[in-house]
Structures are given as C-alpha cells and as structure tokens.
C-alpha atoms as a PDB file:
ATOM      1  CA  MET A   1     125.490 138.090 124.876  1.00  0.00           C
ATOM      2  CA  LEU A   2     125.743 136.525 121.440  1.00  0.00           C
ATOM      3  CA  SER A   3     125.936 133.009 122.861  1.00  0.00           C
ATOM      4  CA  PHE A   4     122.772 133.662 124.896  1.00  0.00           C
ATOM      5  CA  LYS A   5     120.908 134.489 121.675  1.00  0.00           C
ATOM      6  CA  LYS A   6     122.184 131.330 120.019  1.00  0.00           C
ATOM      7  CA  ILE A   7     121.184 129.193 122.969  1.00  0.00           C
ATOM      8  CA  SER A   8     117.733 130.760 123.148  1.00  0.00           C
ATOM      9  CA  ILE A   9     117.174 130.196 119.411  1.00  0.00           C
ATOM     10  CA  PHE A  10     118.277 126.583 119.791  1.00  0.00           C
ATOM     11  CA  ILE A  11     115.876 126.011 122.699  1.00  0.00           C
ATOM     12  CA  PHE A  12     113.049 127.647 120.738  1.00  0.00           C
ATOM     13  CA  LEU A  13     113.646 125.412 117.715  1.00  0.00           C
ATOM     14  CA  LEU A  14     113.865 122.357 119.938  1.00  0.00           C
ATOM     15  CA  SER A  15     110.529 123.206 121.540  1.00  0.00           C
ATOM     16  CA  LEU A  16     108.933 123.489 118.088  1.00  0.00           C
ATOM     17  CA  VAL A  17     110.155 120.012 117.222  1.00  0.00           C
ATOM     18  CA  SER A  18     108.721 118.560 120.427  1.00  0.00           C
ATOM     19  CA  PHE A  19     105.398 120.350 119.769  1.00  0.00           C
ATOM     20  CA  ASN A  20     104.907 118.090 116.760  1.00  0.00           C
ATOM     21  CA  ASN A  21     104.616 115.022 119.014  1.00  0.00           C
ATOM     22  CA  LEU A  22     101.848 116.392 121.233  1.00  0.00           C
ATOM     23  CA  ASN A  23      99.084 114.881 119.102  1.00  0.00           C
ATOM     24  CA  ALA A  24     100.462 111.351 119.303  1.00  0.00           C
ATOM     25  CA  ARG A  25      99.111 108.886 121.826  1.00  0.00           C
ATOM     26  CA  THR A  26      99.874 105.271 122.574  1.00  0.00           C
ATOM     27  CA  VAL A  27      97.098 102.707 123.014  1.00  0.00           C
ATOM     28  CA  CYS A  28      98.047  99.363 124.547  1.00  0.00           C
ATOM     29  CA  SER A  29      96.026  96.177 124.783  1.00  0.00           C
ATOM     30  CA  TYR A  30      96.865  93.117 126.848  1.00  0.00           C
ATOM     31  CA  LYS A  31      96.124  89.464 126.144  1.00  0.00           C
ATOM     32  CA  VAL A  32      96.431  87.164 129.152  1.00  0.00           C
ATOM     33  CA  THR A  33      96.687  83.404 128.678  1.00  0.00           C
ATOM     34  CA  THR A  34      96.545  80.951 131.572  1.00  0.00           C
ATOM     35  CA  ILE A  35      98.840  77.912 131.306  1.00  0.00           C
ATOM     36  CA  THR A  36      97.345  74.788 132.882  1.00  0.00           C
ATOM     37  CA  GLU A  37      98.506  71.171 133.165  1.00  0.00           C
ATOM     38  CA  ASN A  38      96.102  68.498 134.461  1.00  0.00           C
ATOM     39  CA  ASN A  39      93.688  71.193 135.661  1.00  0.00           C
ATOM     40  CA  VAL A  40      96.459  72.840 137.719  1.00  0.00           C
ATOM     41  CA  ILE A  41      97.378  76.434 136.923  1.00  0.00           C
ATOM     42  CA  LYS A  42     101.102  76.587 136.167  1.00  0.00           C
ATOM     43  CA  GLY A  43     101.337  80.272 135.224  1.00  0.00           C
ATOM     44  CA  HIS A  44     100.124  83.174 133.210  1.00  0.00           C
ATOM     45  CA  ARG A  45     101.420  84.599 129.956  1.00  0.00           C
ATOM     46  CA  GLU A  46     100.751  88.261 129.228  1.00  0.00           C
ATOM     47  CA  VAL A  47     101.245  89.726 125.747  1.00  0.00           C
ATOM     48  CA  LYS A  48     101.320  93.515 125.461  1.00  0.00           C
ATOM     49  CA  ASN A  49     100.448  95.042 122.083  1.00  0.00           C
ATOM     50  CA  CYS A  50     100.964  98.817 121.796  1.00  0.00           C
ATOM     51  CA  GLU A  51     100.058 101.005 118.858  1.00  0.00           C
ATOM     52  CA  GLU A  52     100.976 104.666 118.519  1.00  0.00           C
ATOM     53  CA  THR A  53      98.264 106.680 116.848  1.00  0.00           C
ATOM     54  CA  LYS A  54      97.848 110.305 115.906  1.00  0.00           C
ATOM     55  CA  ILE A  55      94.665 112.121 116.776  1.00  0.00           C
ATOM     56  CA  THR A  56      93.050 113.333 113.579  1.00  0.00           C
ATOM     57  CA  GLY A  57      89.964 115.332 112.908  1.00  0.00           C
ATOM     58  CA  ASP A  58      88.757 118.862 112.421  1.00  0.00           C
ATOM     59  CA  GLN A  59      90.221 120.159 115.675  1.00  0.00           C
ATOM     60  CA  THR A  60      93.693 120.758 114.170  1.00  0.00           C
ATOM     61  CA  SER A  61      94.520 124.389 113.567  1.00  0.00           C
ATOM     62  CA  PHE A  62      96.495 125.886 110.711  1.00  0.00           C
ATOM     63  CA  VAL A  63      99.630 126.180 112.858  1.00  0.00           C
ATOM     64  CA  GLU A  64      99.446 122.518 113.886  1.00  0.00           C
ATOM     65  CA  SER A  65      99.012 121.399 110.284  1.00  0.00           C
ATOM     66  CA  VAL A  66     102.026 123.462 109.167  1.00  0.00           C
ATOM     67  CA  LEU A  67     104.213 122.265 112.049  1.00  0.00           C
ATOM     68  CA  SER A  68     103.403 118.612 111.383  1.00  0.00           C
ATOM     69  CA  SER A  69     104.127 118.748 107.661  1.00  0.00           C
ATOM     70  CA  PRO A  70     107.237 116.893 106.389  1.00  0.00           C
ATOM     71  CA  GLN A  71     108.435 119.983 104.524  1.00  0.00           C
ATOM     72  CA  TYR A  72     108.515 121.980 107.763  1.00  0.00           C
ATOM     73  CA  GLU A  73     110.408 119.229 109.578  1.00  0.00           C
ATOM     74  CA  THR A  74     112.996 119.005 106.798  1.00  0.00           C
ATOM     75  CA  THR A  75     113.447 122.779 106.747  1.00  0.00           C
ATOM     76  CA  LEU A  76     113.751 122.887 110.522  1.00  0.00           C
ATOM     77  CA  ILE A  77     116.439 120.201 110.522  1.00  0.00           C
ATOM     78  CA  LEU A  78     118.355 122.075 107.834  1.00  0.00           C
ATOM     79  CA  MET A  79     118.142 125.358 109.748  1.00  0.00           C
ATOM     80  CA  MET A  80     119.210 123.702 112.996  1.00  0.00           C
ATOM     81  CA  SER A  81     122.222 122.117 111.317  1.00  0.00           C
ATOM     82  CA  LEU A  82     123.222 125.490 109.870  1.00  0.00           C
ATOM     83  CA  VAL A  83     122.872 127.186 113.252  1.00  0.00           C
ATOM     84  CA  LEU A  84     124.893 124.487 114.986  1.00  0.00           C
ATOM     85  CA  GLU A  85     127.554 124.720 112.296  1.00  0.00           C
ATOM     86  CA  ALA A  86     127.792 128.479 112.808  1.00  0.00           C
ATOM     87  CA  ILE A  87     128.281 127.992 116.543  1.00  0.00           C
END
C-alpha cells in the first residue's frame, strides 16, 4: 500500500512538470530554393526554420504563473529527488 502512495505521488509530480509545457508552441517556416543550370531545373533545396515560442498575455491564471516560475521548478526538482531517494 505504501508503494502505491509513492507511485501516485510521483505520477502527480510528473504531471505537474508536464503541465508547464502546455503553453509552448512551435512555429516553423520553410524557404524553398530552386536550383537551375542553363534554364534546366536540377533540384530544390528546402530550409526549415523552427522557433519555439510561449504564448503570453492576460489569459494566464495565477496557478499557471506559479507553476511556470523558476522557483517552483527548482523546488519541484528538489522534492522529487528527495522522494526518489526515500524510495
């Protein structure tokens, strides 16, 4: 029974860590260049440029702002290491 509690606490903490990444999104843009020699198309070159951004604005709640703070992440990592050490 005790191991079930430890596992459930671990899963709960892991879900809180993954909740922090919900506001991130990746935006990709493509640049296509056509390679020609003597007016004959030899191939295409495609360059993919991706940028990960976080959605900001007034729609963030108090809980989201606390969970995304660096102090919370550091404390969560410390607590998880202590729990794993106790197991």
